[in-house]
Amino acid sequence: MYRPRVTVDRSIPVPLYYQLAQQLEAAIRAGELSPGTRLENEVELADRCGLSRPTVRQAIQHLVDRGLLVRKRGVGTQVVQSEIRRPIELTSLHDDLAAAGREPRTEVLELGTVPAGDQVAKELGVPPGTGVTRMRRVRFTGDEPLALLTNHLPPEPFRITEADLAEHGLYELLRARGVNLRIANQTIGARGATAAEARLLDARRGVPLLTMTRTAYDDKGGAVEYGRHVYRADRYSFAHTLVER
């Protein structure tokens, strides 16, 4: 548990909550407060710093809103993991996290065959109602939920199991089964989290999420997967290099 050294100056016009927030942020940026570190509770921090509990609560909420701290029921307030910057390439999130040493972990929520709706059928190039594979997973880095992933695959002669998805990235599994991924159409956006998404991602309802839809094709031009993913915007961003033509 971290007990910060905090000094506030009541003679200056800077709000006390903001002075506290600035000092906590400086400790985070300097590495004094490492990811996962738990802060003492609001009552202890208020008593030790000579501040009111509402002032301390406002300072902590300021840093929560900025994505530097996170409140966890039964655990307390912790420093969040550093933001993950992902290159826009034809790779899976699992593989990118593993390559960056970020300990990916997957919780499989659903894996089975469902009739393709109009949008899924259009993206996969199959008639509506065709039985396609749907998988929903929560991807973690360490103990922190990062993304909710929903993918649809066209009918294939091979089988992917929950154990496969728990241990490997989807693209790794496809390549191992002879699928040669070649190109993808991808759209990135943003919106507020639904109640269900907030629950799965340990966030507040309405918190900003990054969205990504992607249809990937093999070297024969056939669609091999259609994905609709959401990511916690406080912990995740896409990186892309632009080249002048």
Foldseek 3Di string as FASTA:
>chain_A
DDQDDAADDPVDPDDRLVSVLVRVVVCDVVCVAAFFDAYDALVVNCVVHVHDSVSPVVNLVVCVLLLQWAQDVPGGITGHHAADEAEPDPDFPVVRCVVVVQAKFKDKDDWDWFFADPVRCVLQVHDGGATWIWTWMFIDRPPATWKIKIKIFHDDPDDDDPVNVRVDTPVVVCVVVPFAWDDKDKDKDKWFADPVRCVSRVHDGGQIKIWMWMFIAGPVGGTGMIMIMITRPSRYHYDYDDDDD
